[in-house]
């Protein structure tokens, strides 16, 4: 039930759209790596694979001003949790991310900076063509290794500067 207060609207003017958004879903536990925090606004960050010194997380949902902070926090937390296990490389699989704006790019850079300062790295996988174009326009394709998918990122483990 929604209670609307405030001044009356002019006739013919539509009321603002109100949407109910479901909370984020936590990932099942992977032995040796704690689950990432639940993110806001339907954004999900789930640990999908662990191999060698690398952990892959599947990111799902739109990344915008509302979800950029939780994305950064989630990636940094996963990396922080895995540091004690000897793992230092984080693959962020964006195959299920239909939209990422400038706030999302800023969150990726902030997460990269924090993780790099702690001795780790973020690798991107499954980036859609429109997002890849943004990464190239902004020059961020030189900051992040970008791979076709998570499997390609795992195959390139020994080559952290490889790109698509």
Protein backbone atom coordinates (compact mmCIF):
# COMPACT_ATOMS: atom_id res chain seq x y z
CA UNK A 1 0.00 0.00 0.00
CA UNK A 2 1.33 3.41 -1.00
CA UNK A 3 0.33 6.61 0.73
CA UNK A 4 0.75 9.72 -1.39
CA UNK A 5 1.10 13.09 0.28
CA UNK A 6 1.90 16.52 -1.08
CA UNK A 7 0.15 18.89 -3.43
CA UNK A 8 -2.47 17.79 -5.87
CA UNK A 9 -1.47 17.02 -9.44
CA UNK A 10 -2.79 18.91 -12.41
CA UNK A 11 -5.49 17.03 -14.30
CA UNK A 12 -4.07 14.91 -17.11
CA UNK A 13 -0.61 14.71 -15.59
CA UNK A 14 0.43 11.13 -14.78
CA UNK A 15 1.58 10.22 -11.31
CA UNK A 16 5.19 9.10 -10.94
CA UNK A 17 5.79 5.44 -11.60
CA UNK A 18 6.43 3.37 -8.49
CA UNK A 19 8.26 0.10 -8.85
CA UNK A 20 8.84 -2.60 -6.31
CA UNK A 21 12.29 -4.11 -6.60
CA UNK A 22 13.13 -7.47 -5.12
CA UNK A 23 16.19 -7.80 -2.94
CA UNK A 24 19.38 -9.39 -4.14
CA UNK A 25 19.99 -13.10 -3.91
CA UNK A 26 23.00 -14.47 -2.06
CA UNK A 27 25.21 -16.96 -3.79
CA UNK A 28 25.60 -20.50 -2.50
CA UNK A 29 28.77 -21.01 -0.52
CA UNK A 30 31.96 -22.13 -2.27
CA UNK A 31 34.34 -23.98 0.03
CA UNK A 32 37.14 -21.69 1.20
CA UNK A 33 35.53 -18.46 -0.07
CA UNK A 34 32.79 -16.63 1.85
CA UNK A 35 29.68 -15.55 -0.06
CA UNK A 36 29.65 -11.94 -1.30
CA UNK A 37 27.25 -9.44 0.24
CA UNK A 38 23.77 -9.06 -1.19
CA UNK A 39 23.61 -6.02 -3.43
CA UNK A 40 20.86 -3.46 -3.86
CA UNK A 41 18.22 -3.04 -6.52
CA UNK A 42 18.25 -6.53 -7.96
CA UNK A 43 22.00 -6.56 -8.71
CA UNK A 44 23.46 -9.97 -7.88
CA UNK A 45 27.08 -10.94 -7.34
CA UNK A 46 27.52 -14.69 -7.08
CA UNK A 47 30.69 -16.72 -6.86
CA UNK A 48 30.54 -19.04 -9.87
CA UNK A 49 33.95 -20.77 -10.03
CA UNK A 50 37.16 -21.14 -8.10
CA UNK A 51 40.24 -22.38 -9.92
CA UNK A 52 43.86 -21.96 -8.85
CA UNK A 53 44.48 -18.44 -7.60
CA UNK A 54 41.35 -17.15 -9.36
CA UNK A 55 37.74 -16.69 -8.25
CA UNK A 56 35.05 -15.88 -10.81
CA UNK A 57 31.95 -13.95 -9.80
CA UNK A 58 28.87 -13.71 -11.98
CA UNK A 59 27.43 -10.20 -11.92
CA UNK A 60 23.76 -9.94 -12.93
CA UNK A 61 21.50 -6.93 -13.26
CA UNK A 62 21.78 -3.34 -14.37
CA UNK A 63 24.70 -1.30 -13.07
CA UNK A 64 23.82 2.34 -12.59
CA UNK A 65 24.03 5.06 -9.94
CA UNK A 66 21.82 3.01 -7.61
CA UNK A 67 23.80 -0.23 -7.86
CA UNK A 68 27.35 1.04 -8.51
CA UNK A 69 28.24 1.29 -4.81
CA UNK A 70 27.08 -2.22 -3.98
CA UNK A 71 29.02 -3.52 -7.03
CA UNK A 72 32.25 -1.92 -5.80
CA UNK A 73 31.67 -3.09 -2.22
CA UNK A 74 30.83 -6.62 -3.34
CA UNK A 75 33.91 -7.01 -5.56
CA UNK A 76 36.21 -5.58 -2.89
CA UNK A 77 34.69 -7.82 -0.21
CA UNK A 78 35.03 -10.97 -2.32
CA UNK A 79 38.67 -10.14 -2.98
CA UNK A 80 39.29 -9.35 0.68
CA UNK A 81 37.68 -12.63 1.74
CA UNK A 82 39.75 -14.64 -0.75
CA UNK A 83 43.11 -13.07 0.17
CA UNK A 84 43.48 -15.39 3.13
CA UNK A 85 43.12 -18.37 0.78
CA UNK A 86 46.07 -17.38 -1.43
CA UNK A 87 43.81 -16.31 -4.27
CA UNK A 88 44.46 -12.87 -5.72
CA UNK A 89 42.74 -12.76 -9.12
CA UNK A 90 39.05 -11.90 -9.48
CA UNK A 91 37.15 -12.50 -12.73
CA UNK A 92 33.99 -10.37 -12.96
CA UNK A 93 31.71 -12.08 -15.48
CA UNK A 94 29.37 -9.45 -16.98
CA UNK A 95 27.48 -11.83 -19.30
CA UNK A 96 24.23 -11.13 -17.39
CA UNK A 97 24.70 -7.34 -17.20
CA UNK A 98 22.41 -5.72 -19.79
CA UNK A 99 23.39 -2.14 -18.89
CA UNK A 100 26.34 -0.37 -17.30
CA UNK A 101 26.62 3.42 -17.18
CA UNK A 102 29.36 5.84 -16.13
CA UNK A 103 28.64 5.24 -12.45
CA UNK A 104 29.25 1.53 -13.03
CA UNK A 105 32.55 2.27 -14.76
CA UNK A 106 33.51 4.47 -11.82
CA UNK A 107 32.68 1.63 -9.43
CA UNK A 108 34.88 -0.76 -11.44
CA UNK A 109 37.79 1.70 -11.34
CA UNK A 110 37.34 2.23 -7.58
CA UNK A 111 37.24 -1.54 -7.00
CA UNK A 112 40.30 -1.97 -9.24
CA UNK A 113 42.21 0.65 -7.25
CA UNK A 114 41.38 -0.94 -3.88
CA UNK A 115 42.09 -4.47 -5.07
CA UNK A 116 45.34 -3.51 -6.82
CA UNK A 117 46.50 -1.73 -3.65
CA UNK A 118 45.96 -5.02 -1.81
CA UNK A 119 48.01 -6.95 -4.37
CA UNK A 120 45.19 -8.35 -6.49
CA UNK A 121 43.64 -7.79 -9.87
CA UNK A 122 40.22 -7.68 -11.52
CA UNK A 123 39.69 -9.22 -14.94
CA UNK A 124 36.49 -8.65 -16.93
CA UNK A 125 34.70 -11.34 -18.92
CA UNK A 126 31.49 -11.55 -20.95
CA UNK A 127 31.39 -7.80 -21.56
CA UNK A 128 28.67 -6.88 -24.10
CA UNK A 129 29.58 -4.88 -27.23
CA UNK A 130 28.04 -1.61 -25.99
CA UNK A 131 29.91 -1.91 -22.68
CA UNK A 132 33.12 -2.82 -24.50
CA UNK A 133 32.71 0.31 -26.59
CA UNK A 134 32.44 2.41 -23.41
CA UNK A 135 35.55 0.74 -22.00
CA UNK A 136 37.45 1.58 -25.20
CA UNK A 137 36.16 5.17 -25.40
CA UNK A 138 37.22 5.82 -21.80
CA UNK A 139 40.55 4.00 -22.17
CA UNK A 140 39.63 1.50 -19.46
CA UNK A 141 40.37 -1.40 -21.84
CA UNK A 142 44.02 -0.65 -20.96
CA UNK A 143 43.30 -0.97 -17.23
CA UNK A 144 41.33 -4.23 -17.29
CA UNK A 145 42.12 -7.44 -19.11
CA UNK A 146 38.93 -8.25 -21.04
CA UNK A 147 38.02 -11.78 -22.11
CA UNK A 148 35.24 -13.31 -24.20
CA UNK A 149 33.92 -15.30 -21.23
CA UNK A 150 35.01 -16.66 -17.83
CA UNK A 151 36.50 -19.78 -19.40
CA UNK A 152 38.74 -17.64 -21.62
CA UNK A 153 39.78 -15.65 -18.54
CA UNK A 154 40.72 -18.87 -16.72
CA UNK A 155 42.63 -20.10 -19.78
CA UNK A 156 44.63 -16.86 -19.79
CA UNK A 157 45.55 -17.08 -16.08
CA UNK A 158 49.25 -16.85 -16.82
CA UNK A 159 48.79 -13.77 -18.96
CA UNK A 160 47.12 -11.09 -16.82
CA UNK A 161 47.54 -8.39 -19.47
CA UNK A 162 45.82 -10.32 -22.26
CA UNK A 163 42.76 -8.74 -23.77
CA UNK A 164 39.99 -9.54 -26.14
